[in-house]
N, C-alpha and C. Protein backbone atom coordinates (compact mmCIF):
# COMPACT_ATOMS: atom_id res chain seq x y z
N MET A 1 96.51 113.34 146.70
CA MET A 1 95.95 112.98 148.12
C MET A 1 95.05 111.86 147.52
N PRO A 2 95.15 110.50 148.64
CA PRO A 2 94.92 109.37 148.31
C PRO A 2 93.33 109.39 147.96
N LYS A 3 93.34 108.51 147.00
CA LYS A 3 91.71 108.50 146.22
C LYS A 3 90.89 107.48 147.33
N THR A 4 89.71 107.75 147.49
CA THR A 4 88.87 106.65 148.10
C THR A 4 87.88 106.07 147.37
N THR A 5 87.61 105.08 147.16
CA THR A 5 86.07 104.71 146.51
C THR A 5 85.02 104.37 147.51
N THR A 6 83.82 104.64 147.18
CA THR A 6 82.73 104.61 147.83
C THR A 6 82.21 103.42 147.28
N SER A 7 81.82 102.23 148.51
CA SER A 7 81.01 101.08 148.20
C SER A 7 79.52 101.25 148.28
N PRO A 8 78.63 100.50 147.70
CA PRO A 8 77.44 100.72 148.03
C PRO A 8 76.98 100.96 149.46
N GLN A 9 77.53 100.16 150.25
CA GLN A 9 77.45 100.10 151.62
C GLN A 9 77.99 101.42 152.47
N ASP A 10 78.94 101.89 151.90
CA ASP A 10 79.47 103.23 152.66
C ASP A 10 78.45 104.25 152.22
N ALA A 11 78.09 103.92 150.66
CA ALA A 11 76.99 105.29 150.58
C ALA A 11 75.68 105.10 151.36
N SER A 12 75.47 104.01 151.54
CA SER A 12 74.13 103.80 152.34
C SER A 12 74.18 104.39 153.67
N THR A 13 75.57 103.89 154.35
CA THR A 13 76.19 104.46 155.68
C THR A 13 75.82 106.10 155.66
N ALA A 14 76.60 106.66 154.71
CA ALA A 14 76.71 108.17 154.70
C ALA A 14 75.27 108.66 154.56
N ALA A 15 74.15 107.91 153.57
CA ALA A 15 72.83 108.58 153.73
C ALA A 15 72.26 108.45 155.02
N ALA A 16 72.51 107.12 155.74
CA ALA A 16 72.02 106.98 157.03
C ALA A 16 72.46 107.94 157.94
N VAL A 17 73.66 108.71 157.59
CA VAL A 17 74.40 109.82 158.93
C VAL A 17 73.52 110.87 158.70
N ARG A 18 73.41 111.10 157.30
CA ARG A 18 72.74 112.46 156.72
C ARG A 18 71.36 112.56 157.38
N ALA A 19 70.66 111.15 157.11
CA ALA A 19 69.15 111.46 157.61
C ALA A 19 68.92 111.68 159.04
N GLN A 20 69.98 111.43 159.70
CA GLN A 20 69.83 111.38 161.36
C GLN A 20 69.62 112.72 161.61
N PRO A 21 68.42 112.97 162.67
CA PRO A 21 68.08 114.34 163.14
C PRO A 21 69.34 114.71 164.03
N MET A 22 69.56 116.06 163.82
CA MET A 22 70.43 116.68 165.09
C MET A 22 70.02 116.58 166.14
N PRO A 23 70.91 116.32 167.32
CA PRO A 23 70.46 116.29 168.72
C PRO A 23 69.68 117.48 169.02
N ALA A 24 68.88 117.35 169.92
CA ALA A 24 67.63 118.32 170.28
C ALA A 24 68.27 119.32 171.52
N GLY A 25 68.05 120.60 171.03
CA GLY A 25 68.74 121.26 172.23
C GLY A 25 70.04 121.96 171.78
N THR A 26 70.81 121.50 171.08
CA THR A 26 72.11 121.99 170.48
C THR A 26 72.12 123.26 170.06
N ASP A 27 72.97 123.99 170.44
CA ASP A 27 73.01 125.15 170.00
C ASP A 27 74.35 125.36 168.93
N TRP A 28 74.04 125.11 167.72
CA TRP A 28 74.98 124.83 166.59
C TRP A 28 75.92 126.02 166.42
N LEU A 29 75.52 127.26 167.03
CA LEU A 29 76.49 128.31 166.85
C LEU A 29 77.28 128.63 168.01
N GLN A 30 77.72 127.44 168.83
CA GLN A 30 78.73 127.62 169.81
C GLN A 30 79.80 127.29 169.17
N LEU A 31 80.73 127.97 169.59
CA LEU A 31 82.28 127.59 168.77
C LEU A 31 82.82 126.27 169.06
N ASP A 32 82.67 125.93 170.47
CA ASP A 32 83.06 124.53 170.46
C ASP A 32 82.26 123.39 170.03
N VAL A 33 81.03 123.45 169.59
CA VAL A 33 80.36 122.68 168.75
C VAL A 33 80.99 122.45 167.37
N GLN A 34 81.49 123.33 166.82
CA GLN A 34 81.94 123.63 165.29
C GLN A 34 83.04 122.53 164.89
N LEU A 35 82.95 121.84 164.00
CA LEU A 35 83.87 120.75 163.77
C LEU A 35 85.07 121.57 163.10
N CYS A 36 84.85 122.74 162.29
CA CYS A 36 85.62 123.42 161.40
C CYS A 36 86.65 124.16 162.85
N PHE A 37 86.26 124.39 163.78
CA PHE A 37 87.18 124.96 164.79
C PHE A 37 87.94 123.99 165.24
N ALA A 38 87.39 122.77 165.68
CA ALA A 38 88.17 122.02 166.00
C ALA A 38 89.26 121.44 165.41
N LEU A 39 89.34 121.49 164.07
CA LEU A 39 89.97 121.01 163.14
C LEU A 39 91.11 122.19 162.68
N TYR A 40 90.74 123.53 163.09
CA TYR A 40 91.29 124.67 162.71
C TYR A 40 92.41 124.85 164.20
N SER A 41 92.06 124.98 165.13
CA SER A 41 92.73 124.68 166.62
C SER A 41 93.55 123.70 166.47
N THR A 42 93.33 122.58 166.23
CA THR A 42 94.01 121.27 166.37
C THR A 42 95.20 121.73 165.49
N SER A 43 94.97 122.06 164.10
CA SER A 43 96.10 122.11 163.18
C SER A 43 96.94 123.02 163.89
N LEU A 44 96.62 124.33 164.19
CA LEU A 44 97.41 125.19 164.89
C LEU A 44 98.40 124.55 166.06
N ALA A 45 97.54 123.93 166.86
CA ALA A 45 98.44 123.23 167.97
C ALA A 45 99.60 121.91 167.34
N MET A 46 99.09 121.60 166.29
CA MET A 46 100.30 120.64 165.41
C MET A 46 101.28 121.33 165.07
N THR A 47 101.07 122.57 164.23
CA THR A 47 102.23 123.18 163.90
C THR A 47 103.03 123.71 164.93
N LYS A 48 102.27 124.29 165.76
CA LYS A 48 103.12 124.50 167.23
C LYS A 48 104.15 123.52 167.69
N LEU A 49 103.60 122.56 167.76
CA LEU A 49 104.47 121.11 168.22
C LEU A 49 105.38 120.81 167.25
N TYR A 50 104.88 120.96 165.95
CA TYR A 50 106.17 120.70 164.85
C TYR A 50 107.50 121.74 165.00
N LYS A 51 107.11 122.96 165.16
CA LYS A 51 108.07 124.02 165.02
C LYS A 51 109.35 123.58 165.55
N PRO A 52 109.33 123.04 166.81
CA PRO A 52 110.97 123.09 167.68
C PRO A 52 111.54 121.79 167.08
N LEU A 53 110.52 120.93 166.76
CA LEU A 53 111.23 119.44 166.03
C LEU A 53 111.76 119.68 164.66
N LEU A 54 111.47 120.86 163.92
CA LEU A 54 111.82 121.10 162.67
C LEU A 54 112.87 122.02 162.28
N ALA A 55 112.99 122.86 163.50
CA ALA A 55 114.15 123.84 163.61
C ALA A 55 115.46 123.28 163.66
N PRO A 56 115.94 122.21 164.03
CA PRO A 56 117.49 121.49 163.86
C PRO A 56 117.30 121.26 162.31
N LEU A 57 116.25 120.86 161.63
CA LEU A 57 116.71 120.33 160.33
C LEU A 57 116.51 121.68 159.25
N GLY A 58 116.09 122.88 159.84
CA GLY A 58 116.10 124.11 159.12
C GLY A 58 114.65 124.31 158.29
N LEU A 59 113.66 123.62 158.72
CA LEU A 59 112.44 123.29 157.62
C LEU A 59 111.34 124.10 158.47
N THR A 60 110.30 124.70 157.78
CA THR A 60 109.26 125.24 158.41
C THR A 60 108.26 123.83 158.30
N TYR A 61 107.08 123.79 158.71
CA TYR A 61 106.14 123.12 158.62
C TYR A 61 105.73 122.87 157.17
N PRO A 62 105.55 123.65 156.23
CA PRO A 62 104.97 123.45 154.87
C PRO A 62 106.42 122.67 154.03
N GLN A 63 107.36 123.30 154.37
CA GLN A 63 108.73 122.80 153.60
C GLN A 63 108.76 121.09 154.20
N TYR A 64 108.72 121.01 155.43
CA TYR A 64 108.64 119.54 155.78
C TYR A 64 107.53 118.64 154.94
N LEU A 65 106.61 119.10 154.83
CA LEU A 65 105.55 118.41 153.94
C LEU A 65 105.88 118.18 152.56
N ALA A 66 106.40 119.34 151.96
CA ALA A 66 106.95 118.93 150.58
C ALA A 66 108.20 118.04 150.64
N MET A 67 108.87 118.03 151.75
CA MET A 67 110.18 117.05 151.64
C MET A 67 109.50 115.65 151.95
N LEU A 68 108.32 115.53 152.69
CA LEU A 68 107.83 114.00 152.90
C LEU A 68 107.38 113.61 151.66
N VAL A 69 106.75 114.51 150.80
CA VAL A 69 106.21 113.88 149.67
C VAL A 69 107.35 113.67 148.64
N LEU A 70 108.31 114.35 148.54
CA LEU A 70 109.73 114.05 147.87
C LEU A 70 110.41 112.99 148.13
N TRP A 71 110.28 112.67 149.58
CA TRP A 71 111.00 111.26 150.02
C TRP A 71 110.30 110.32 149.49
N GLU A 72 108.89 110.31 149.55
CA GLU A 72 108.25 109.34 148.79
C GLU A 72 108.30 109.08 147.51
N GLN A 73 108.67 110.37 146.71
CA GLN A 73 108.62 110.08 145.28
C GLN A 73 109.53 111.03 145.02
N ASP A 74 110.72 111.16 144.36
CA ASP A 74 111.78 112.08 144.02
C ASP A 74 111.21 112.44 142.41
N GLY A 75 111.24 113.54 141.95
CA GLY A 75 111.27 113.85 140.59
C GLY A 75 109.97 114.19 140.41
N LEU A 76 109.02 114.62 141.09
CA LEU A 76 107.65 114.86 140.96
C LEU A 76 107.73 116.52 140.28
N SER A 77 106.61 116.39 139.25
CA SER A 77 106.36 117.78 138.74
C SER A 77 106.01 118.86 139.87
N VAL A 78 106.10 120.09 139.51
CA VAL A 78 105.77 121.32 140.46
C VAL A 78 104.25 121.00 140.71
N SER A 79 103.61 120.66 139.35
CA SER A 79 102.12 120.64 139.57
C SER A 79 101.87 119.56 140.29
N ASP A 80 102.57 118.10 140.03
CA ASP A 80 102.32 116.94 140.91
C ASP A 80 102.22 117.15 142.28
N LEU A 81 103.33 117.97 142.80
CA LEU A 81 103.50 118.19 144.29
C LEU A 81 102.48 119.21 144.70
N GLY A 82 102.15 120.19 143.81
CA GLY A 82 101.15 121.27 144.39
C GLY A 82 100.03 120.19 144.68
N GLN A 83 99.35 119.36 143.68
CA GLN A 83 98.22 118.69 143.73
C GLN A 83 98.31 117.74 145.18
N ARG A 84 99.24 117.31 145.20
CA ARG A 84 99.48 116.50 146.63
C ARG A 84 99.42 116.96 147.88
N LEU A 85 100.16 118.44 147.95
CA LEU A 85 100.13 119.12 149.08
C LEU A 85 98.55 120.01 149.00
N SER A 86 97.90 119.91 148.21
CA SER A 86 96.62 120.86 147.80
C SER A 86 97.05 122.48 148.01
N LEU A 87 98.11 122.84 147.65
CA LEU A 87 99.00 123.91 147.35
C LEU A 87 98.58 124.65 145.90
N ASP A 88 98.63 125.92 145.62
CA ASP A 88 98.60 126.62 144.24
C ASP A 88 99.99 126.90 144.09
N SER A 89 100.65 127.52 143.01
CA SER A 89 101.81 127.53 142.25
C SER A 89 102.14 129.01 143.21
N GLY A 90 101.16 129.87 143.19
CA GLY A 90 101.84 130.85 143.89
C GLY A 90 102.03 130.72 145.38
N THR A 91 101.64 129.61 146.09
CA THR A 91 102.17 129.10 147.49
C THR A 91 103.46 128.39 147.43
N LEU A 92 103.38 127.67 146.18
CA LEU A 92 104.53 126.44 146.25
C LEU A 92 105.75 127.02 145.78
N THR A 93 105.75 127.97 144.83
CA THR A 93 106.79 128.53 144.40
C THR A 93 107.89 129.10 145.37
N PRO A 94 107.52 130.07 146.21
CA PRO A 94 108.11 130.53 147.24
C PRO A 94 109.05 129.61 147.85
N LEU A 95 108.04 128.70 148.41
CA LEU A 95 108.64 127.33 149.43
C LEU A 95 109.76 126.62 148.68
N LEU A 96 109.50 126.38 147.23
CA LEU A 96 110.59 125.56 146.65
C LEU A 96 111.75 126.40 146.43
N LYS A 97 111.96 127.83 146.19
CA LYS A 97 112.92 128.33 145.97
C LYS A 97 113.71 128.58 147.24
N ARG A 98 112.91 128.34 148.48
CA ARG A 98 113.57 128.11 149.70
C ARG A 98 114.40 126.81 149.90
N LEU A 99 113.76 125.81 149.83
CA LEU A 99 114.33 124.46 149.64
C LEU A 99 115.40 124.42 148.79
N GLU A 100 115.40 125.07 147.54
CA GLU A 100 116.51 125.17 146.88
C GLU A 100 117.71 126.02 147.02
N THR A 101 117.43 127.12 147.67
CA THR A 101 118.37 128.01 148.21
C THR A 101 118.77 127.07 149.46
N GLY A 102 118.49 126.51 150.02
CA GLY A 102 118.96 125.52 151.23
C GLY A 102 119.60 124.83 150.90
N GLY A 103 119.84 124.01 149.42
CA GLY A 103 120.45 123.05 148.98
C GLY A 103 119.85 121.68 148.97
N LEU A 104 118.36 121.80 149.33
CA LEU A 104 117.92 120.51 149.42
C LEU A 104 117.13 119.96 148.32
N ILE A 105 116.78 120.91 147.21
CA ILE A 105 116.29 120.34 145.97
C ILE A 105 116.92 120.98 144.76
N GLU A 106 116.24 120.40 143.59
CA GLU A 106 116.74 121.23 142.78
C GLU A 106 115.57 121.18 141.50
N ARG A 107 115.39 122.03 140.82
CA ARG A 107 114.50 122.14 139.94
C ARG A 107 114.83 122.26 138.38
N ARG A 108 114.34 121.09 137.73
CA ARG A 108 114.98 121.05 136.47
C ARG A 108 113.63 120.70 135.47
N ARG A 109 114.30 121.32 134.30
CA ARG A 109 113.01 121.20 133.17
C ARG A 109 113.20 119.65 132.75
N ALA A 110 112.06 119.16 132.50
CA ALA A 110 112.04 117.68 132.10
C ALA A 110 112.21 117.62 130.70
N LEU A 111 112.96 116.68 130.38
CA LEU A 111 113.70 115.94 129.04
C LEU A 111 112.62 116.17 127.95
N ALA A 112 111.58 115.23 128.21
CA ALA A 112 110.43 115.05 127.18
C ALA A 112 109.66 116.20 127.23
N ASP A 113 109.54 117.16 128.17
CA ASP A 113 108.55 118.13 127.70
C ASP A 113 109.22 119.42 128.55
N GLU A 114 109.68 120.24 128.05
CA GLU A 114 110.44 121.45 128.61
C GLU A 114 109.61 122.74 129.26
N ARG A 115 108.15 122.26 129.02
CA ARG A 115 107.33 123.05 129.79
C ARG A 115 107.08 122.22 131.34
N ARG A 116 107.50 120.96 131.67
CA ARG A 116 107.10 120.70 132.77
C ARG A 116 108.64 120.91 133.40
N VAL A 117 108.42 121.15 134.78
CA VAL A 117 109.50 121.40 135.90
C VAL A 117 109.28 120.33 136.93
N GLU A 118 110.23 119.42 137.07
CA GLU A 118 110.52 118.48 137.86
C GLU A 118 111.59 118.82 139.37
N ILE A 119 111.12 118.30 140.33
CA ILE A 119 111.73 118.47 141.82
C ILE A 119 112.45 117.41 141.76
N HIS A 120 113.86 117.61 142.12
CA HIS A 120 114.47 116.36 142.57
C HIS A 120 115.33 116.85 143.74
N LEU A 121 115.41 115.84 144.65
CA LEU A 121 116.16 115.97 145.83
C LEU A 121 117.85 116.04 145.50
N THR A 122 118.31 116.77 146.57
CA THR A 122 120.01 116.62 146.24
C THR A 122 120.34 115.61 147.33
N ALA A 123 121.74 115.40 147.20
CA ALA A 123 122.28 114.45 148.29
C ALA A 123 121.73 115.09 149.40
N ALA A 124 121.72 116.25 149.97
CA ALA A 124 121.42 116.99 151.21
C ALA A 124 120.15 116.71 151.58
N GLY A 125 119.11 116.80 150.60
CA GLY A 125 117.68 116.76 150.75
C GLY A 125 117.68 115.16 151.20
N ARG A 126 118.09 114.32 150.46
CA ARG A 126 117.70 112.80 150.75
C ARG A 126 118.28 112.58 152.21
N ALA A 127 119.77 113.00 152.56
CA ALA A 127 120.21 112.81 153.86
C ALA A 127 119.24 113.19 155.01
N LEU A 128 118.67 114.46 154.52
CA LEU A 128 117.83 115.21 155.79
C LEU A 128 116.72 114.19 156.17
N ARG A 129 116.22 113.07 155.59
CA ARG A 129 115.47 112.14 155.72
C ARG A 129 115.78 111.60 156.99
N GLU A 130 116.85 111.02 157.43
CA GLU A 130 117.46 110.49 158.14
C GLU A 130 117.41 111.03 159.60
N GLN A 131 117.66 112.27 159.35
CA GLN A 131 117.18 113.66 160.59
C GLN A 131 115.61 113.38 160.80
N ALA A 132 115.01 113.36 160.18
CA ALA A 132 113.80 113.38 160.41
C ALA A 132 112.80 112.54 160.78
N VAL A 133 113.59 111.36 160.75
CA VAL A 133 112.98 109.93 160.97
C VAL A 133 112.08 109.60 162.29
N GLY A 134 112.61 110.30 163.45
CA GLY A 134 112.27 110.52 164.66
C GLY A 134 111.09 111.39 164.69
N ILE A 135 110.59 112.12 164.05
CA ILE A 135 109.71 113.17 163.99
C ILE A 135 108.34 112.76 164.24
N PRO A 136 107.86 111.91 163.41
CA PRO A 136 106.39 111.24 163.59
C PRO A 136 106.34 110.50 164.87
N GLU A 137 106.92 109.93 165.48
CA GLU A 137 107.26 109.29 166.44
C GLU A 137 106.89 110.17 167.88
N GLN A 138 107.55 111.27 167.80
CA GLN A 138 107.74 112.59 168.79
C GLN A 138 106.09 112.84 168.89
N LEU A 139 105.38 113.13 167.76
CA LEU A 139 104.02 113.60 167.41
C LEU A 139 103.14 112.63 168.15
N ALA A 140 103.47 111.39 167.58
CA ALA A 140 102.61 110.50 168.27
C ALA A 140 102.42 110.31 169.72
N CYS A 141 103.58 110.62 170.26
CA CYS A 141 103.80 110.38 171.81
C CYS A 141 102.88 111.66 172.47
N ALA A 142 103.38 112.81 171.89
CA ALA A 142 102.36 114.10 172.20
C ALA A 142 101.04 113.88 172.27
N SER A 143 100.70 113.26 171.22
CA SER A 143 99.12 113.34 170.84
C SER A 143 98.54 112.38 172.11
N ALA A 144 99.28 111.68 172.65
CA ALA A 144 98.76 110.42 173.77
C ALA A 144 97.57 109.68 173.02
N CYS A 145 97.91 109.41 172.01
CA CYS A 145 96.80 108.30 171.41
C CYS A 145 97.65 106.87 170.98
N SER A 146 96.94 105.86 170.90
CA SER A 146 97.79 104.76 170.37
C SER A 146 97.86 104.56 169.23
N PRO A 147 98.98 104.20 168.50
CA PRO A 147 99.15 103.77 166.96
C PRO A 147 97.63 103.56 166.15
N THR A 148 96.84 102.61 166.74
CA THR A 148 95.69 102.04 166.19
C THR A 148 94.49 103.31 166.03
N GLU A 149 94.80 104.28 167.21
CA GLU A 149 93.65 105.46 167.32
C GLU A 149 94.39 106.58 166.23
N LEU A 150 95.54 106.81 166.39
CA LEU A 150 96.04 107.44 165.28
C LEU A 150 95.82 107.11 163.68
N GLN A 151 95.75 105.75 163.64
CA GLN A 151 95.47 105.39 162.27
C GLN A 151 94.20 105.56 161.76
N THR A 152 93.19 105.45 162.83
CA THR A 152 91.89 105.46 162.54
C THR A 152 91.46 107.07 162.53
N LEU A 153 91.88 107.58 163.19
CA LEU A 153 91.88 109.14 163.00
C LEU A 153 92.12 109.70 161.90
N THR A 154 93.24 109.53 161.39
CA THR A 154 93.98 109.77 159.93
C THR A 154 92.91 109.05 158.92
N THR A 155 92.66 108.05 159.12
CA THR A 155 91.37 107.52 158.05
C THR A 155 90.38 108.55 158.11
N ARG A 156 89.85 108.61 159.12
CA ARG A 156 88.58 109.73 159.11
C ARG A 156 88.95 110.75 158.75
N LEU A 157 89.79 111.46 158.95
CA LEU A 157 89.84 112.56 158.54
C LEU A 157 90.38 112.80 156.99
N HIS A 158 90.79 111.63 156.30
CA HIS A 158 91.01 111.55 154.87
C HIS A 158 89.31 111.31 154.17
N GLU A 159 89.01 110.56 155.02
CA GLU A 159 87.22 110.35 154.50
C GLU A 159 86.65 111.81 154.64
N LEU A 160 86.78 112.43 155.61
CA LEU A 160 86.16 113.59 155.82
C LEU A 160 86.33 114.53 154.77
N ARG A 161 87.70 114.57 154.55
CA ARG A 161 88.05 115.53 153.45
C ARG A 161 87.63 115.13 152.06
N SER A 162 87.71 113.83 151.76
CA SER A 162 87.30 113.48 150.58
C SER A 162 85.63 113.85 150.31
N ASN A 163 84.94 113.43 151.62
CA ASN A 163 83.51 113.79 151.42
C ASN A 163 83.10 115.42 151.17
N VAL A 164 83.83 116.07 151.81
CA VAL A 164 83.64 117.62 151.76
C VAL A 164 84.31 117.82 150.15
N LEU A 165 85.40 117.65 149.46
CA LEU A 165 85.54 117.65 148.22
C LEU A 165 84.47 117.08 147.38
N THR A 166 84.07 116.15 147.66
CA THR A 166 83.28 115.67 146.80
C THR A 166 81.58 116.56 146.90
N HIS A 167 81.51 116.84 147.73
CA HIS A 167 80.14 117.68 148.27
C HIS A 167 80.46 119.10 147.07
N LEU A 168 81.48 119.39 147.30
CA LEU A 168 81.98 121.03 147.02
C LEU A 168 82.01 120.82 145.01
N ALA A 169 82.29 119.56 144.87
CA ALA A 169 82.32 119.22 143.29
C ALA A 169 81.07 119.12 142.62
N ARG A 170 80.19 118.57 143.58
CA ARG A 170 78.90 118.45 142.81
C ARG A 170 78.12 119.72 142.25
N ASP A 171 77.00 119.51 141.36
CA ASP A 171 76.38 120.75 140.98
C ASP A 171 75.72 121.34 142.32
N PRO A 172 75.89 122.81 142.34
CA PRO A 172 75.46 123.57 143.57
C PRO A 172 73.86 123.19 143.81
N ALA A 173 73.24 123.06 142.50
CA ALA A 173 71.81 123.13 142.77
C ALA A 173 71.61 121.44 143.76
N THR A 174 72.15 120.56 143.46
CA THR A 174 71.84 119.37 143.95
C THR A 174 72.67 119.27 145.22
N ALA A 175 73.66 119.92 145.54
CA ALA A 175 74.73 119.70 146.62
C ALA A 175 73.65 120.35 147.88
N ASP A 176 73.09 121.47 147.64
CA ASP A 176 72.34 122.08 149.09
C ASP A 176 70.85 121.20 149.45
N ASN A 177 70.72 120.30 148.60
CA ASN A 177 69.42 119.49 148.82
C ASN A 177 69.58 118.25 149.76
N ASP A 178 70.89 117.82 150.01
CA ASP A 178 71.21 116.72 150.98
C ASP A 178 71.88 117.18 152.16
N LEU A 179 71.98 118.50 152.31
CA LEU A 179 72.47 119.01 153.88
C LEU A 179 71.03 118.78 154.78
N VAL A 180 71.71 118.52 155.89
CA VAL A 180 70.72 118.19 156.99
C VAL A 180 71.14 119.15 158.30
N GLY A 181 70.42 119.63 158.78
CA GLY A 181 70.80 120.63 160.03
C GLY A 181 69.66 121.33 160.40
N PRO A 182 69.82 122.45 161.37
CA PRO A 182 69.00 123.23 162.08
C PRO A 182 67.83 123.97 160.62
N GLY A 183 66.76 123.71 160.76
CA GLY A 183 65.93 124.64 159.86
C GLY A 183 65.73 123.85 158.52
N ARG A 184 66.54 122.40 158.50
CA ARG A 184 66.20 121.54 157.10
C ARG A 184 65.28 120.53 157.06
């Protein structure tokens, strides 16, 4: 996951946003007002969009994500790949087994530390990248967003994820004190 740093200006902007009152008259329990539902339903739609694009490659969407990471950096450990994809080993292991059975990756024990398992692309796994190269452009076209809009949206979603994870990592006693919302 990309690391984001928070400058004093970013922190003051975030504090100002938290300090803003919620718009009057908003019914926060309506489904269409929920950010979580917008993210969830968009994720479902994106996965449906990917399915026919990935079928010729013989990949599922989670397998595609794993391959994207491995095309960036071959030879990652299983734990590093799981961390990058935010997947636990119980979810990642069967996914890797399917990729290995498909001849796209090999799992090998690290020479320096046999407890560490590394994932390496096979020749077929590296060649698959060329077949996948047009997929991001097809998704961009389907989104009806400009490249700049997509980049901005992606950046904002990374920031949102980082903010949520930072909030979750804080001491629960102090985390609830800076929530702003109805009744607070």
